[in-house]
Amino acid sequence: MALDSSKHIPSDRPSDREPFSPAGIDFEALVKLSNEAVILLELRGKPFFISPAAERMFGWSAEKLVGQLDSLVHVTGSNANAELLQQILSGNGDPARPLPRADLQFRSAFGPVIWAEISTHLLEDHTGSPYAFAVYLRSIAKRKELEAQLEAATQTDPVTGLFNRRAFEDTLKREWAIALREKTHTSLIRISLDRFDALAEHNGPAAAEDCLTKVAETLKDIARRPADITARTATSEFSILLPRTHELGAETISAYIHLAIRDLGIPNLDNGRGDGVVTASVGAACAVVEQTGVNESPEFILSAAENCVFQARQEGGNRVKTVMNVLAR
């Protein structure tokens, strides 16, 4: 079909339109449509704009949010960016100081703290004089949740669900430093399953995993204080860290672990000294610092517990060995 060139067809090309002026844009309306929260404040802290996204993020209306600004930032420990932002929100901001830009935690009407990525900008008039702070906030709750899941995955033993060796040793370093500083008792228990290699070889990997899972559940039931850390630290070895636990407590728990594993009655016919069921060689070490200034590393208590396990094995396994150490300069 031929095109009738005598008819005029309007063109949509930019060159054929009327010139567009940005002066007609309603920038405040655009900000209100954004999911990025914006808070604009005078230098002395008086807010003159709070975006709807900020209301949604914190759970307060703009009017109520104004009354929360001076304590909105959840400051934990020493955090320069959190302190700088809190000064700005409370009206004590200094335009000459660095502008905070970081991932921070905030209070909210929802109860728990929320995470947001913040950037702060200084607004200047036509003479270059600062007149306001602009704080932009973007929720990173999903990102933090994924980071927490990834961190948990890197710290967890996939077979038993307990902490893995890396997580255990990281926790031991922290708790050991506290024990040295506060001169409190620390106990560490090593549990090595007797003749586990023979069980895995003769009964197969499924039976071996089932054994490890049952032992892990038993250990979790025994070491149930929030501060106690239970981990699988080798193929057939478990470790329990008991902060602020004295020698008698370590001995009692070790004896209970020894009996509880045997009472599971998991078959291991090659474990003749354990009456054909899974048993454990248990070693417990307790240490306490009696003077300040002791710089012993956590390897000290690790080695002490391991030596106890070695002694138990040397004597035929299926038994408990303990040691108490008092550290001084």
C-alpha atoms as a PDB file:
ATOM      1  CA  MET A   1       0.000   0.000   0.000  1.00  0.00           C
ATOM      2  CA  ALA A   2       1.492   3.337  -1.107  1.00  0.00           C
ATOM      3  CA  LEU A   3       2.018   6.106   1.416  1.00  0.00           C
ATOM      4  CA  ASP A   4       0.154   9.343   0.651  1.00  0.00           C
ATOM      5  CA  SER A   5       2.888  11.928   0.999  1.00  0.00           C
ATOM      6  CA  SER A   6       0.347  14.744   0.857  1.00  0.00           C
ATOM      7  CA  LYS A   7      -0.853  13.985   4.395  1.00  0.00           C
ATOM      8  CA  HIS A   8       1.075  15.506   7.264  1.00  0.00           C
ATOM      9  CA  ILE A   9       2.200  13.016   9.941  1.00  0.00           C
ATOM     10  CA  PRO A  10       3.220  14.617  13.275  1.00  0.00           C
ATOM     11  CA  SER A  11       6.757  13.777  14.320  1.00  0.00           C
ATOM     12  CA  ASP A  12       7.715  12.669  17.851  1.00  0.00           C
ATOM     13  CA  ARG A  13      11.376  13.488  17.321  1.00  0.00           C
ATOM     14  CA  PRO A  14      12.860  15.695  20.116  1.00  0.00           C
ATOM     15  CA  SER A  15      13.875  18.291  17.535  1.00  0.00           C
ATOM     16  CA  ASP A  16      10.210  18.791  16.587  1.00  0.00           C
ATOM     17  CA  ARG A  17       8.950  19.350  20.174  1.00  0.00           C
ATOM     18  CA  GLU A  18       8.704  22.520  22.164  1.00  0.00           C
ATOM     19  CA  PRO A  19      11.832  23.197  24.251  1.00  0.00           C
ATOM     20  CA  PHE A  20      11.500  21.798  27.791  1.00  0.00           C
ATOM     21  CA  SER A  21      12.495  23.893  30.763  1.00  0.00           C
ATOM     22  CA  PRO A  22      13.701  22.161  33.999  1.00  0.00           C
ATOM     23  CA  ALA A  23      12.322  25.137  35.912  1.00  0.00           C
ATOM     24  CA  GLY A  24       8.935  23.445  35.812  1.00  0.00           C
ATOM     25  CA  ILE A  25      10.051  20.293  37.613  1.00  0.00           C
ATOM     26  CA  ASP A  26       8.620  19.753  41.087  1.00  0.00           C
ATOM     27  CA  PHE A  27      11.769  18.428  42.736  1.00  0.00           C
ATOM     28  CA  GLU A  28      10.119  18.063  46.154  1.00  0.00           C
ATOM     29  CA  ALA A  29       7.489  15.791  44.617  1.00  0.00           C
ATOM     30  CA  LEU A  30      10.253  13.663  43.101  1.00  0.00           C
ATOM     31  CA  VAL A  31      11.970  13.333  46.492  1.00  0.00           C
ATOM     32  CA  LYS A  32       8.677  12.310  48.083  1.00  0.00           C
ATOM     33  CA  LEU A  33       8.320   9.499  45.541  1.00  0.00           C
ATOM     34  CA  SER A  34      11.806   8.150  46.287  1.00  0.00           C
ATOM     35  CA  ASN A  35      12.477   5.195  48.583  1.00  0.00           C
ATOM     36  CA  GLU A  36      15.611   6.936  49.838  1.00  0.00           C
ATOM     37  CA  ALA A  37      14.904   8.777  53.069  1.00  0.00           C
ATOM     38  CA  VAL A  38      15.910  12.428  53.257  1.00  0.00           C
ATOM     39  CA  ILE A  39      16.167  14.719  56.262  1.00  0.00           C
ATOM     40  CA  LEU A  40      17.093  18.372  55.740  1.00  0.00           C
ATOM     41  CA  LEU A  41      18.148  20.372  58.779  1.00  0.00           C
ATOM     42  CA  GLU A  42      19.286  23.870  59.479  1.00  0.00           C
ATOM     43  CA  LEU A  43      22.800  24.092  60.897  1.00  0.00           C
ATOM     44  CA  ARG A  44      21.373  24.335  64.407  1.00  0.00           C
ATOM     45  CA  GLY A  45      19.320  21.182  63.893  1.00  0.00           C
ATOM     46  CA  LYS A  46      15.861  22.509  63.093  1.00  0.00           C
ATOM     47  CA  PRO A  47      14.396  20.212  60.420  1.00  0.00           C
ATOM     48  CA  PHE A  48      12.601  21.881  57.531  1.00  0.00           C
ATOM     49  CA  PHE A  49      11.973  18.744  55.439  1.00  0.00           C
ATOM     50  CA  ILE A  50      11.476  15.068  56.311  1.00  0.00           C
ATOM     51  CA  SER A  51      10.582  12.837  53.396  1.00  0.00           C
ATOM     52  CA  PRO A  52       7.790  10.227  53.515  1.00  0.00           C
ATOM     53  CA  ALA A  53      10.457   7.538  53.065  1.00  0.00           C
ATOM     54  CA  ALA A  54      12.012   8.643  56.381  1.00  0.00           C
ATOM     55  CA  GLU A  55       8.622   8.263  58.068  1.00  0.00           C
ATOM     56  CA  ARG A  56       8.291   4.738  56.659  1.00  0.00           C
ATOM     57  CA  MET A  57      11.837   3.804  57.632  1.00  0.00           C
ATOM     58  CA  PHE A  58      11.617   4.885  61.271  1.00  0.00           C
ATOM     59  CA  GLY A  59       7.907   4.282  61.860  1.00  0.00           C
ATOM     60  CA  TRP A  60       7.119   7.775  63.184  1.00  0.00           C
ATOM     61  CA  SER A  61       5.240  10.578  61.494  1.00  0.00           C
ATOM     62  CA  ALA A  62       7.366  13.581  60.546  1.00  0.00           C
ATOM     63  CA  GLU A  63       6.042  15.502  63.549  1.00  0.00           C
ATOM     64  CA  LYS A  64       6.983  12.746  65.998  1.00  0.00           C
ATOM     65  CA  LEU A  65      10.272  12.013  64.270  1.00  0.00           C
ATOM     66  CA  VAL A  66      11.388  15.577  64.978  1.00  0.00           C
ATOM     67  CA  GLY A  67      11.267  14.799  68.693  1.00  0.00           C
ATOM     68  CA  GLN A  68      13.384  11.657  68.212  1.00  0.00           C
ATOM     69  CA  LEU A  69      16.245  13.154  66.208  1.00  0.00           C
ATOM     70  CA  ASP A  70      18.563  13.941  69.105  1.00  0.00           C
ATOM     71  CA  SER A  71      18.708  10.242  70.106  1.00  0.00           C
ATOM     72  CA  LEU A  72      17.993   8.582  66.773  1.00  0.00           C
ATOM     73  CA  VAL A  73      21.468   7.137  66.178  1.00  0.00           C
ATOM     74  CA  HIS A  74      22.219   3.919  68.060  1.00  0.00           C
ATOM     75  CA  VAL A  75      25.810   4.535  69.179  1.00  0.00           C
ATOM     76  CA  THR A  76      27.743   1.484  70.378  1.00  0.00           C
ATOM     77  CA  GLY A  77      31.353   1.788  71.433  1.00  0.00           C
ATOM     78  CA  SER A  78      33.589   4.260  69.667  1.00  0.00           C
ATOM     79  CA  ASN A  79      32.132   5.172  66.281  1.00  0.00           C
ATOM     80  CA  ALA A  80      33.204   8.532  64.844  1.00  0.00           C
ATOM     81  CA  ASN A  81      30.584   8.539  62.055  1.00  0.00           C
ATOM     82  CA  ALA A  82      27.750   7.738  64.462  1.00  0.00           C
ATOM     83  CA  GLU A  83      28.871  10.479  66.836  1.00  0.00           C
ATOM     84  CA  LEU A  84      29.206  13.042  64.032  1.00  0.00           C
ATOM     85  CA  LEU A  85      25.743  12.248  62.670  1.00  0.00           C
ATOM     86  CA  GLN A  86      24.210  12.402  66.129  1.00  0.00           C
ATOM     87  CA  GLN A  87      25.726  15.861  66.608  1.00  0.00           C
ATOM     88  CA  ILE A  88      24.186  17.010  63.321  1.00  0.00           C
ATOM     89  CA  LEU A  89      20.747  15.618  64.158  1.00  0.00           C
ATOM     90  CA  SER A  90      20.808  17.154  67.637  1.00  0.00           C
ATOM     91  CA  GLY A  91      21.780  20.618  66.373  1.00  0.00           C
ATOM     92  CA  ASN A  92      25.448  20.512  67.358  1.00  0.00           C
ATOM     93  CA  GLY A  93      26.872  19.832  63.919  1.00  0.00           C
ATOM     94  CA  ASP A  94      29.962  21.706  62.783  1.00  0.00           C
ATOM     95  CA  PRO A  95      30.130  22.435  59.013  1.00  0.00           C
ATOM     96  CA  ALA A  96      33.926  22.422  59.249  1.00  0.00           C
ATOM     97  CA  ARG A  97      34.068  18.824  60.485  1.00  0.00           C
ATOM     98  CA  PRO A  98      34.008  15.730  58.235  1.00  0.00           C
ATOM     99  CA  LEU A  99      30.581  14.738  56.955  1.00  0.00           C
ATOM    100  CA  PRO A 100      29.586  11.237  58.111  1.00  0.00           C
ATOM    101  CA  ARG A 101      29.219   8.529  55.494  1.00  0.00           C
ATOM    102  CA  ALA A 102      28.769   4.978  56.813  1.00  0.00           C
ATOM    103  CA  ASP A 103      26.487   2.048  57.634  1.00  0.00           C
ATOM    104  CA  LEU A 104      24.875   2.835  60.986  1.00  0.00           C
ATOM    105  CA  GLN A 105      22.222   1.540  63.348  1.00  0.00           C
ATOM    106  CA  PHE A 106      19.195   3.622  64.350  1.00  0.00           C
ATOM    107  CA  ARG A 107      16.395   3.474  66.868  1.00  0.00           C
ATOM    108  CA  SER A 108      12.897   3.083  65.456  1.00  0.00           C
ATOM    109  CA  ALA A 109       9.257   2.915  66.468  1.00  0.00           C
ATOM    110  CA  PHE A 110       9.300  -0.778  65.571  1.00  0.00           C
ATOM    111  CA  GLY A 111      11.412  -1.734  68.600  1.00  0.00           C
ATOM    112  CA  PRO A 112      14.624  -3.316  67.292  1.00  0.00           C
ATOM    113  CA  VAL A 113      17.351  -1.166  65.817  1.00  0.00           C
ATOM    114  CA  ILE A 114      17.460  -0.813  62.041  1.00  0.00           C
ATOM    115  CA  TRP A 115      20.427  -0.578  59.681  1.00  0.00           C
ATOM    116  CA  ALA A 116      20.803   2.213  57.121  1.00  0.00           C
ATOM    117  CA  GLU A 117      23.511   3.441  54.787  1.00  0.00           C
ATOM    118  CA  ILE A 118      23.876   7.176  55.324  1.00  0.00           C
ATOM    119  CA  SER A 119      25.548   9.989  53.431  1.00  0.00           C
ATOM    120  CA  THR A 120      25.579  13.589  54.586  1.00  0.00           C
ATOM    121  CA  HIS A 121      25.971  16.708  52.468  1.00  0.00           C
ATOM    122  CA  LEU A 122      26.385  20.372  53.219  1.00  0.00           C
ATOM    123  CA  LEU A 123      24.090  22.771  51.352  1.00  0.00           C
ATOM    124  CA  GLU A 124      25.457  26.201  50.451  1.00  0.00           C
ATOM    125  CA  ASP A 125      23.807  29.379  49.246  1.00  0.00           C
ATOM    126  CA  HIS A 126      24.838  31.423  46.190  1.00  0.00           C
ATOM    127  CA  THR A 127      27.649  33.044  48.201  1.00  0.00           C
ATOM    128  CA  GLY A 128      29.141  29.663  49.178  1.00  0.00           C
ATOM    129  CA  SER A 129      28.025  29.934  52.801  1.00  0.00           C
ATOM    130  CA  PRO A 130      26.668  26.704  54.336  1.00  0.00           C
ATOM    131  CA  TYR A 131      23.096  26.885  55.532  1.00  0.00           C
ATOM    132  CA  ALA A 132      21.852  23.298  55.955  1.00  0.00           C
ATOM    133  CA  PHE A 133      22.739  19.621  56.303  1.00  0.00           C
ATOM    134  CA  ALA A 134      21.138  17.053  54.008  1.00  0.00           C
ATOM    135  CA  VAL A 135      21.110  13.514  55.399  1.00  0.00           C
ATOM    136  CA  TYR A 136      20.295  10.703  52.987  1.00  0.00           C
ATOM    137  CA  LEU A 137      19.419   7.253  54.392  1.00  0.00           C
ATOM    138  CA  ARG A 138      18.895   3.982  52.553  1.00  0.00           C
ATOM    139  CA  SER A 139      17.703   0.830  54.316  1.00  0.00           C
ATOM    140  CA  ILE A 140      20.200  -2.043  54.188  1.00  0.00           C
ATOM    141  CA  ALA A 141      18.211  -4.464  56.344  1.00  0.00           C
ATOM    142  CA  LYS A 142      18.146  -7.176  53.659  1.00  0.00           C
ATOM    143  CA  ARG A 143      21.865  -6.822  53.013  1.00  0.00           C
ATOM    144  CA  LYS A 144      22.648  -7.125  56.731  1.00  0.00           C
ATOM    145  CA  GLU A 145      20.407 -10.181  56.977  1.00  0.00           C
ATOM    146  CA  LEU A 146      22.263 -11.840  54.099  1.00  0.00           C
ATOM    147  CA  GLU A 147      25.614 -10.912  55.654  1.00  0.00           C
ATOM    148  CA  ALA A 148      24.511 -12.458  58.950  1.00  0.00           C
ATOM    149  CA  GLN A 149      23.442 -15.639  57.168  1.00  0.00           C
ATOM    150  CA  LEU A 150      26.753 -15.814  55.316  1.00  0.00           C
ATOM    151  CA  GLU A 151      28.691 -15.222  58.532  1.00  0.00           C
ATOM    152  CA  ALA A 152      26.701 -17.954  60.257  1.00  0.00           C
ATOM    153  CA  ALA A 153      27.415 -20.325  57.370  1.00  0.00           C
ATOM    154  CA  THR A 154      31.166 -19.704  57.633  1.00  0.00           C
ATOM    155  CA  GLN A 155      31.062 -20.422  61.387  1.00  0.00           C
ATOM    156  CA  THR A 156      28.923 -23.556  61.356  1.00  0.00           C
ATOM    157  CA  ASP A 157      29.850 -27.202  60.938  1.00  0.00           C
ATOM    158  CA  PRO A 158      27.598 -28.544  58.143  1.00  0.00           C
ATOM    159  CA  VAL A 159      27.177 -32.024  59.673  1.00  0.00           C
ATOM    160  CA  THR A 160      26.288 -31.208  63.270  1.00  0.00           C
ATOM    161  CA  GLY A 161      25.156 -27.571  63.136  1.00  0.00           C
ATOM    162  CA  LEU A 162      27.620 -26.721  65.901  1.00  0.00           C
ATOM    163  CA  PHE A 163      30.231 -24.011  65.617  1.00  0.00           C
ATOM    164  CA  ASN A 164      33.246 -25.014  63.538  1.00  0.00           C
ATOM    165  CA  ARG A 165      36.881 -24.867  64.596  1.00  0.00           C
ATOM    166  CA  ARG A 166      37.462 -21.361  63.278  1.00  0.00           C
ATOM    167  CA  ALA A 167      34.485 -19.929  65.159  1.00  0.00           C
ATOM    168  CA  PHE A 168      35.503 -21.777  68.305  1.00  0.00           C
ATOM    169  CA  GLU A 169      39.060 -20.456  68.259  1.00  0.00           C
ATOM    170  CA  ASP A 170      37.895 -16.905  67.516  1.00  0.00           C
ATOM    171  CA  THR A 171      35.560 -17.053  70.513  1.00  0.00           C
ATOM    172  CA  LEU A 172      38.279 -18.555  72.696  1.00  0.00           C
ATOM    173  CA  LYS A 173      40.598 -15.635  71.899  1.00  0.00           C
ATOM    174  CA  ARG A 174      37.948 -13.134  72.983  1.00  0.00           C
ATOM    175  CA  GLU A 175      36.974 -14.987  76.159  1.00  0.00           C
ATOM    176  CA  TRP A 176      40.597 -15.663  77.075  1.00  0.00           C
ATOM    177  CA  ALA A 177      41.419 -11.958  76.824  1.00  0.00           C
ATOM    178  CA  ILE A 178      38.506 -11.197  79.152  1.00  0.00           C
ATOM    179  CA  ALA A 179      39.628 -13.881  81.608  1.00  0.00           C
ATOM    180  CA  LEU A 180      43.180 -12.488  81.710  1.00  0.00           C
ATOM    181  CA  ARG A 181      41.900  -8.975  82.274  1.00  0.00           C
ATOM    182  CA  GLU A 182      39.277  -9.840  84.892  1.00  0.00           C
ATOM    183  CA  LYS A 183      41.179 -12.770  86.463  1.00  0.00           C
ATOM    184  CA  THR A 184      38.283 -15.204  86.090  1.00  0.00           C
ATOM    185  CA  HIS A 185      38.361 -18.987  85.629  1.00  0.00           C
ATOM    186  CA  THR A 186      38.147 -20.463  82.138  1.00  0.00           C
ATOM    187  CA  SER A 187      37.549 -24.144  81.408  1.00  0.00           C
ATOM    188  CA  LEU A 188      37.959 -25.975  78.123  1.00  0.00           C
ATOM    189  CA  ILE A 189      36.843 -29.538  77.452  1.00  0.00           C
ATOM    190  CA  ARG A 190      38.003 -31.705  74.556  1.00  0.00           C
ATOM    191  CA  ILE A 191      35.941 -34.762  73.587  1.00  0.00           C
ATOM    192  CA  SER A 192      37.490 -37.342  71.249  1.00  0.00           C
ATOM    193  CA  LEU A 193      35.354 -40.286  70.139  1.00  0.00           C
ATOM    194  CA  ASP A 194      37.155 -43.598  70.654  1.00  0.00           C
ATOM    195  CA  ARG A 195      37.733 -45.807  67.579  1.00  0.00           C
ATOM    196  CA  PHE A 196      35.576 -43.555  65.388  1.00  0.00           C
ATOM    197  CA  ASP A 197      37.598 -44.368  62.248  1.00  0.00           C
ATOM    198  CA  ALA A 198      36.642 -48.040  62.625  1.00  0.00           C
ATOM    199  CA  LEU A 199      32.957 -47.132  63.004  1.00  0.00           C
ATOM    200  CA  ALA A 200      33.052 -45.053  59.813  1.00  0.00           C
ATOM    201  CA  GLU A 201      34.905 -47.758  57.906  1.00  0.00           C
ATOM    202  CA  HIS A 202      32.695 -50.681  58.916  1.00  0.00           C
ATOM    203  CA  ASN A 203      29.277 -49.005  59.217  1.00  0.00           C
ATOM    204  CA  GLY A 204      29.549 -46.429  56.439  1.00  0.00           C
ATOM    205  CA  PRO A 205      29.349 -42.623  56.204  1.00  0.00           C
ATOM    206  CA  ALA A 206      25.630 -42.447  57.031  1.00  0.00           C
ATOM    207  CA  ALA A 207      26.198 -44.208  60.357  1.00  0.00           C
ATOM    208  CA  ALA A 208      29.192 -41.982  61.071  1.00  0.00           C
ATOM    209  CA  GLU A 209      27.130 -38.816  60.465  1.00  0.00           C
ATOM    210  CA  ASP A 210      24.288 -40.148  62.582  1.00  0.00           C
ATOM    211  CA  CYS A 211      26.753 -40.764  65.416  1.00  0.00           C
ATOM    212  CA  LEU A 212      28.210 -37.261  65.180  1.00  0.00           C
ATOM    213  CA  THR A 213      24.746 -35.698  65.115  1.00  0.00           C
ATOM    214  CA  LYS A 214      23.590 -37.583  68.219  1.00  0.00           C
ATOM    215  CA  VAL A 215      26.751 -36.687  70.131  1.00  0.00           C
ATOM    216  CA  ALA A 216      26.399 -33.044  69.089  1.00  0.00           C
ATOM    217  CA  GLU A 217      22.809 -32.893  70.363  1.00  0.00           C
ATOM    218  CA  THR A 218      23.911 -34.424  73.653  1.00  0.00           C
ATOM    219  CA  LEU A 219      26.697 -31.867  74.090  1.00  0.00           C
ATOM    220  CA  LYS A 220      24.335 -28.970  73.305  1.00  0.00           C
ATOM    221  CA  ASP A 221      21.950 -30.205  75.991  1.00  0.00           C
ATOM    222  CA  ILE A 222      24.769 -30.349  78.535  1.00  0.00           C
ATOM    223  CA  ALA A 223      26.479 -27.011  77.782  1.00  0.00           C
ATOM    224  CA  ARG A 224      23.371 -24.865  77.695  1.00  0.00           C
ATOM    225  CA  ARG A 225      24.439 -21.568  79.297  1.00  0.00           C
ATOM    226  CA  PRO A 226      24.357 -18.657  76.816  1.00  0.00           C
ATOM    227  CA  ALA A 227      28.103 -18.100  77.284  1.00  0.00           C
ATOM    228  CA  ASP A 228      29.042 -21.765  76.669  1.00  0.00           C
ATOM    229  CA  ILE A 229      30.395 -22.568  73.210  1.00  0.00           C
ATOM    230  CA  THR A 230      30.167 -26.068  71.736  1.00  0.00           C
ATOM    231  CA  ALA A 231      31.987 -26.869  68.498  1.00  0.00           C
ATOM    232  CA  ARG A 232      33.105 -29.695  66.282  1.00  0.00           C
ATOM    233  CA  THR A 233      36.826 -29.009  65.961  1.00  0.00           C
ATOM    234  CA  ALA A 234      38.030 -32.121  64.092  1.00  0.00           C
ATOM    235  CA  THR A 235      36.560 -35.166  62.322  1.00  0.00           C
ATOM    236  CA  SER A 236      35.694 -37.002  65.549  1.00  0.00           C
ATOM    237  CA  GLU A 237      36.528 -34.336  68.105  1.00  0.00           C
ATOM    238  CA  PHE A 238      34.380 -31.780  69.889  1.00  0.00           C
ATOM    239  CA  SER A 239      35.338 -28.873  72.121  1.00  0.00           C
ATOM    240  CA  ILE A 240      33.381 -26.996  74.764  1.00  0.00           C
ATOM    241  CA  LEU A 241      34.423 -23.608  76.100  1.00  0.00           C
ATOM    242  CA  LEU A 242      33.074 -22.783  79.556  1.00  0.00           C
ATOM    243  CA  PRO A 243      33.863 -19.175  80.492  1.00  0.00           C
ATOM    244  CA  ARG A 244      33.865 -18.318  84.211  1.00  0.00           C
ATOM    245  CA  THR A 245      33.755 -22.002  85.181  1.00  0.00           C
ATOM    246  CA  HIS A 246      35.865 -23.358  88.048  1.00  0.00           C
ATOM    247  CA  GLU A 247      37.755 -26.654  88.175  1.00  0.00           C
ATOM    248  CA  LEU A 248      34.978 -28.486  90.012  1.00  0.00           C
ATOM    249  CA  GLY A 249      32.454 -27.415  87.387  1.00  0.00           C
ATOM    250  CA  ALA A 250      34.717 -28.587  84.564  1.00  0.00           C
ATOM    251  CA  GLU A 251      35.260 -31.952  86.278  1.00  0.00           C
ATOM    252  CA  THR A 252      31.537 -32.466  86.866  1.00  0.00           C
ATOM    253  CA  ILE A 253      30.538 -31.570  83.298  1.00  0.00           C
ATOM    254  CA  SER A 254      33.342 -33.716  81.840  1.00  0.00           C
ATOM    255  CA  ALA A 255      32.222 -36.749  83.832  1.00  0.00           C
ATOM    256  CA  TYR A 256      28.629 -36.190  82.764  1.00  0.00           C
ATOM    257  CA  ILE A 257      29.668 -35.904  79.088  1.00  0.00           C
ATOM    258  CA  HIS A 258      31.637 -39.147  79.341  1.00  0.00           C
ATOM    259  CA  LEU A 259      28.642 -41.039  80.720  1.00  0.00           C
ATOM    260  CA  ALA A 260      26.083 -39.394  78.438  1.00  0.00           C
ATOM    261  CA  ILE A 261      27.951 -40.368  75.264  1.00  0.00           C
ATOM    262  CA  ARG A 262      28.344 -43.955  76.433  1.00  0.00           C
ATOM    263  CA  ASP A 263      24.669 -44.100  77.394  1.00  0.00           C
ATOM    264  CA  LEU A 264      23.639 -43.181  73.839  1.00  0.00           C
ATOM    265  CA  GLY A 265      24.426 -46.832  73.064  1.00  0.00           C
ATOM    266  CA  ILE A 266      25.599 -46.150  69.504  1.00  0.00           C
ATOM    267  CA  PRO A 267      27.036 -49.454  68.194  1.00  0.00           C
ATOM    268  CA  ASN A 268      30.796 -49.574  67.535  1.00  0.00           C
ATOM    269  CA  LEU A 269      31.816 -53.241  67.674  1.00  0.00           C
ATOM    270  CA  ASP A 270      35.492 -52.387  67.161  1.00  0.00           C
ATOM    271  CA  ASN A 271      35.517 -50.412  70.414  1.00  0.00           C
ATOM    272  CA  GLY A 272      36.246 -53.422  72.628  1.00  0.00           C
ATOM    273  CA  ARG A 273      37.198 -51.346  75.649  1.00  0.00           C
ATOM    274  CA  GLY A 274      33.869 -49.570  75.419  1.00  0.00           C
ATOM    275  CA  ASP A 275      31.726 -52.722  75.424  1.00  0.00           C
ATOM    276  CA  GLY A 276      30.984 -52.355  71.701  1.00  0.00           C
ATOM    277  CA  VAL A 277      29.394 -48.889  71.850  1.00  0.00           C
ATOM    278  CA  VAL A 278      30.699 -45.400  71.118  1.00  0.00           C
ATOM    279  CA  THR A 279      32.670 -43.912  74.005  1.00  0.00           C
ATOM    280  CA  ALA A 280      34.879 -40.846  74.400  1.00  0.00           C
ATOM    281  CA  SER A 281      38.217 -39.819  75.804  1.00  0.00           C
ATOM    282  CA  VAL A 282      37.564 -36.545  77.582  1.00  0.00           C
ATOM    283  CA  GLY A 283      40.162 -33.987  78.622  1.00  0.00           C
ATOM    284  CA  ALA A 284      39.363 -30.882  80.641  1.00  0.00           C
ATOM    285  CA  ALA A 285      41.649 -27.989  81.496  1.00  0.00           C
ATOM    286  CA  CYS A 286      40.829 -25.136  83.852  1.00  0.00           C
ATOM    287  CA  ALA A 287      42.965 -22.013  84.177  1.00  0.00           C
ATOM    288  CA  VAL A 288      42.837 -18.853  86.229  1.00  0.00           C
ATOM    289  CA  VAL A 289      45.080 -15.809  86.417  1.00  0.00           C
ATOM    290  CA  GLU A 290      46.010 -14.706  89.909  1.00  0.00           C
ATOM    291  CA  GLN A 291      47.984 -11.603  88.888  1.00  0.00           C
ATOM    292  CA  THR A 292      47.509  -8.824  86.344  1.00  0.00           C
ATOM    293  CA  GLY A 293      49.919  -8.537  83.461  1.00  0.00           C
ATOM    294  CA  VAL A 294      49.902 -12.225  82.438  1.00  0.00           C
ATOM    295  CA  ASN A 295      50.269 -12.471  78.650  1.00  0.00           C
ATOM    296  CA  GLU A 296      49.776 -16.205  78.128  1.00  0.00           C
ATOM    297  CA  SER A 297      48.105 -17.041  74.790  1.00  0.00           C
ATOM    298  CA  PRO A 298      44.943 -19.156  74.515  1.00  0.00           C
ATOM    299  CA  GLU A 299      47.138 -21.916  73.082  1.00  0.00           C
ATOM    300  CA  PHE A 300      48.051 -22.629  76.690  1.00  0.00           C
ATOM    301  CA  ILE A 301      44.623 -23.931  77.673  1.00  0.00           C
ATOM    302  CA  LEU A 302      44.117 -25.608  74.285  1.00  0.00           C
ATOM    303  CA  SER A 303      47.331 -27.596  74.749  1.00  0.00           C
ATOM    304  CA  ALA A 304      46.486 -28.416  78.356  1.00  0.00           C
ATOM    305  CA  ALA A 305      43.120 -29.926  77.372  1.00  0.00           C
ATOM    306  CA  GLU A 306      44.671 -31.785  74.441  1.00  0.00           C
ATOM    307  CA  ASN A 307      47.322 -33.285  76.738  1.00  0.00           C
ATOM    308  CA  CYS A 308      44.545 -34.569  78.978  1.00  0.00           C
ATOM    309  CA  VAL A 309      42.857 -36.250  76.000  1.00  0.00           C
ATOM    310  CA  PHE A 310      46.204 -37.796  75.033  1.00  0.00           C
ATOM    311  CA  GLN A 311      46.627 -39.226  78.536  1.00  0.00           C
ATOM    312  CA  ALA A 312      43.120 -40.662  78.430  1.00  0.00           C
ATOM    313  CA  ARG A 313      43.878 -42.369  75.120  1.00  0.00           C
ATOM    314  CA  GLN A 314      47.201 -43.692  76.394  1.00  0.00           C
ATOM    315  CA  GLU A 315      45.335 -45.369  79.227  1.00  0.00           C
ATOM    316  CA  GLY A 316      42.944 -47.068  76.815  1.00  0.00           C
ATOM    317  CA  GLY A 317      40.336 -44.367  76.227  1.00  0.00           C
ATOM    318  CA  ASN A 318      36.803 -44.243  77.597  1.00  0.00           C
ATOM    319  CA  ARG A 319      37.814 -42.072  80.543  1.00  0.00           C
ATOM    320  CA  VAL A 320      38.222 -38.497  81.795  1.00  0.00           C
ATOM    321  CA  LYS A 321      41.405 -36.597  82.626  1.00  0.00           C
ATOM    322  CA  THR A 322      41.482 -33.076  84.055  1.00  0.00           C
ATOM    323  CA  VAL A 323      44.083 -30.476  84.997  1.00  0.00           C
ATOM    324  CA  MET A 324      44.030 -27.163  86.868  1.00  0.00           C
ATOM    325  CA  ASN A 325      46.484 -24.353  86.115  1.00  0.00           C
ATOM    326  CA  VAL A 326      47.112 -21.135  88.023  1.00  0.00           C
ATOM    327  CA  LEU A 327      48.885 -18.542  85.890  1.00  0.00           C
ATOM    328  CA  ALA A 328      51.253 -15.977  87.313  1.00  0.00           C
ATOM    329  CA  ARG A 329      54.037 -13.799  85.980  1.00  0.00           C
END
